[in-house]
Amino acid sequence: MSYGNNPFQSPLASGSGGQNSGYALGKVKPFALTLMITMGVMMLLVVVGIVLNLLGMGFAAQAAQAADDPNMAMMMMQGTIGLVSSIIGLAIGGFIMFACSKMMKLESYGMAMTATILAMIPCISPCCLLGLPIGIWGIVILNDPQVKAAFRG
């Protein structure tokens, strides 16, 4: 799709190597913003989960100690595993947010694709249910030849 000397063409329409980055930005920005918003909401829920987990571990330990419960170690281990998995989810969510910010500048195609794939993995990403359809949308967009050509790096 060549616009030639079209006076109505967006100034962003010519990117690296004369590629049509206006088209690519029009495709990538809605996807990246949707993924960022979804990740932001999910990361907020993970933080709330961490706080509740920490409070629950404290309450469980107090209750187990008061009752001389032999299952105290098991309850603490479940809380620890939940805490570690939540922290890993936050780290992955942070990476996805960073990659989305790069994506909106059409930078780092590899990072954009990695973040999109990570968002689709249910047990890794903090965005379990929405990650798959959003990720499929992103894979379709990022595999568009014009979008791929507009990325720098």
Protein backbone atom coordinates (compact mmCIF):
# COMPACT_ATOMS: atom_id res chain seq x y z
CA MET A 1 0.00 0.00 0.00
CA SER A 2 1.81 3.10 -1.22
CA TYR A 3 0.55 6.59 -0.56
CA GLY A 4 3.08 8.45 -2.70
CA ASN A 5 2.91 12.23 -2.12
CA ASN A 6 -0.47 12.24 -0.43
CA PRO A 7 -0.91 15.58 1.44
CA PHE A 8 -3.48 13.95 3.75
CA GLN A 9 -1.03 11.29 4.93
CA SER A 10 -0.15 11.27 8.62
CA PRO A 11 3.37 12.46 9.47
CA LEU A 12 3.81 9.11 11.27
CA ALA A 13 3.04 7.24 8.08
CA SER A 14 6.66 6.95 7.04
CA GLY A 15 8.72 4.99 9.51
CA SER A 16 12.03 3.21 9.30
CA GLY A 17 13.04 2.51 5.75
CA GLY A 18 9.99 4.27 4.31
CA GLN A 19 7.62 1.66 5.72
CA ASN A 20 4.07 2.63 6.58
CA SER A 21 4.34 3.01 10.37
CA GLY A 22 1.03 4.91 10.54
CA TYR A 23 -0.76 1.72 9.54
CA ALA A 24 1.29 -0.28 12.04
CA LEU A 25 0.64 2.17 14.87
CA GLY A 26 -3.07 2.08 14.09
CA LYS A 27 -3.00 -1.71 14.47
CA VAL A 28 -0.58 -2.03 17.40
CA LYS A 29 -1.71 0.78 19.73
CA PRO A 30 -5.24 -0.53 20.46
CA PHE A 31 -3.83 -3.98 21.14
CA ALA A 32 -0.99 -2.69 23.34
CA LEU A 33 -3.35 -0.41 25.31
CA THR A 34 -5.82 -3.25 25.84
CA LEU A 35 -3.07 -5.54 27.04
CA MET A 36 -1.64 -2.84 29.33
CA ILE A 37 -5.03 -2.09 30.89
CA THR A 38 -5.77 -5.78 31.37
CA MET A 39 -2.34 -6.36 32.89
CA GLY A 40 -2.73 -3.33 35.15
CA VAL A 41 -6.03 -4.60 36.51
CA MET A 42 -4.71 -8.13 36.94
CA MET A 43 -1.52 -6.89 38.64
CA LEU A 44 -3.64 -4.87 41.06
CA LEU A 45 -5.62 -8.02 41.86
CA VAL A 46 -2.36 -9.94 42.37
CA VAL A 47 -1.14 -7.29 44.82
CA VAL A 48 -4.43 -7.57 46.73
CA GLY A 49 -3.97 -11.35 46.68
CA ILE A 50 -0.44 -11.00 48.08
CA VAL A 51 -1.69 -8.81 50.92
CA LEU A 52 -4.51 -11.24 51.70
CA ASN A 53 -2.09 -14.16 51.48
CA LEU A 54 0.30 -12.49 53.92
CA LEU A 55 -2.57 -11.73 56.28
CA GLY A 56 -3.88 -15.26 55.90
CA MET A 57 -0.48 -16.78 56.62
CA GLY A 58 -0.26 -14.71 59.76
CA PHE A 59 -3.76 -15.63 60.88
CA ALA A 60 -3.24 -19.30 60.01
CA ALA A 61 0.02 -19.41 61.96
CA GLN A 62 -1.61 -17.79 64.99
CA ALA A 63 -4.59 -20.14 64.84
CA ALA A 64 -2.38 -23.20 64.36
CA GLN A 65 -0.08 -22.16 67.18
CA ALA A 66 -3.00 -21.57 69.52
CA ALA A 67 -4.51 -24.96 68.69
CA ASP A 68 -1.16 -26.83 68.53
CA ASP A 69 -2.11 -27.88 65.00
CA PRO A 70 0.40 -30.29 63.37
CA ASN A 71 -0.66 -29.01 59.92
CA MET A 72 0.87 -25.57 60.57
CA ALA A 73 3.86 -26.28 58.33
CA MET A 74 1.54 -27.35 55.50
CA MET A 75 -0.55 -24.18 55.78
CA MET A 76 2.58 -22.02 55.84
CA MET A 77 3.96 -23.85 52.79
CA GLN A 78 0.75 -23.24 50.82
CA GLY A 79 0.95 -19.57 51.72
CA THR A 80 4.60 -19.41 50.70
CA ILE A 81 3.95 -21.08 47.34
CA GLY A 82 1.07 -18.67 46.71
CA LEU A 83 3.27 -15.72 47.61
CA VAL A 84 6.12 -16.84 45.34
CA SER A 85 3.79 -17.52 42.41
CA SER A 86 2.18 -14.10 42.89
CA ILE A 87 5.58 -12.39 42.85
CA ILE A 88 6.50 -14.28 39.67
CA GLY A 89 3.17 -13.17 38.17
CA LEU A 90 3.93 -9.56 39.07
CA ALA A 91 7.37 -9.78 37.47
CA ILE A 92 5.91 -11.23 34.27
CA GLY A 93 3.14 -8.61 34.31
CA GLY A 94 5.77 -5.87 34.71
CA PHE A 95 7.68 -7.24 31.74
CA ILE A 96 4.50 -7.33 29.65
CA MET A 97 3.69 -3.73 30.62
CA PHE A 98 7.23 -2.64 29.65
CA ALA A 99 7.00 -4.54 26.36
CA CYS A 100 3.65 -2.88 25.62
CA SER A 101 5.20 0.55 26.11
CA LYS A 102 7.94 -0.41 23.63
CA MET A 103 5.33 -1.85 21.29
CA MET A 104 3.44 1.46 21.15
CA LYS A 105 6.68 3.06 19.89
CA LEU A 106 7.15 0.24 17.36
CA GLU A 107 10.36 -0.83 19.10
CA SER A 108 11.65 -4.35 19.79
CA TYR A 109 9.54 -6.74 17.76
CA GLY A 110 10.98 -9.74 19.61
CA MET A 111 10.01 -8.31 22.99
CA ALA A 112 6.51 -7.52 21.71
CA MET A 113 6.06 -11.08 20.47
CA THR A 114 7.45 -12.55 23.71
CA ALA A 115 5.08 -10.45 25.83
CA THR A 116 2.14 -11.44 23.65
CA ILE A 117 2.96 -15.13 24.01
CA LEU A 118 3.49 -14.79 27.78
CA ALA A 119 0.08 -13.11 28.10
CA MET A 120 -1.48 -16.19 26.52
CA ILE A 121 -0.06 -18.73 29.00
CA PRO A 122 -2.71 -19.19 31.69
CA CYS A 123 -0.61 -20.34 34.64
CA ILE A 124 2.30 -17.96 34.07
CA SER A 125 0.58 -14.70 33.29
CA PRO A 126 -1.48 -12.84 35.88
CA CYS A 127 -3.99 -12.33 33.09
CA CYS A 128 -5.41 -15.85 32.90
CA LEU A 129 -8.79 -15.74 31.17
CA LEU A 130 -8.37 -12.62 29.07
CA GLY A 131 -4.79 -13.35 28.08
CA LEU A 132 -5.62 -15.99 25.49
CA PRO A 133 -8.02 -13.99 23.29
CA ILE A 134 -5.97 -10.81 23.66
CA GLY A 135 -2.81 -12.77 22.86
CA ILE A 136 -4.34 -14.31 19.75
CA TRP A 137 -5.35 -10.82 18.63
CA GLY A 138 -1.77 -9.67 19.22
CA ILE A 139 -0.22 -12.59 17.32
CA VAL A 140 -2.43 -11.81 14.32
CA ILE A 141 -1.47 -8.12 14.45
CA LEU A 142 2.25 -8.71 14.99
CA ASN A 143 2.41 -11.19 12.11
CA ASP A 144 0.99 -8.65 9.65
CA PRO A 145 3.90 -8.03 7.21
CA GLN A 146 3.39 -4.24 7.26
CA VAL A 147 3.37 -4.16 11.06
CA LYS A 148 6.44 -6.39 11.27
CA ALA A 149 8.31 -4.18 8.78
CA ALA A 150 7.52 -0.99 10.74
CA PHE A 151 9.17 -2.22 13.96
CA ARG A 152 12.64 -0.95 14.83
CA GLY A 153 14.83 -3.56 16.48
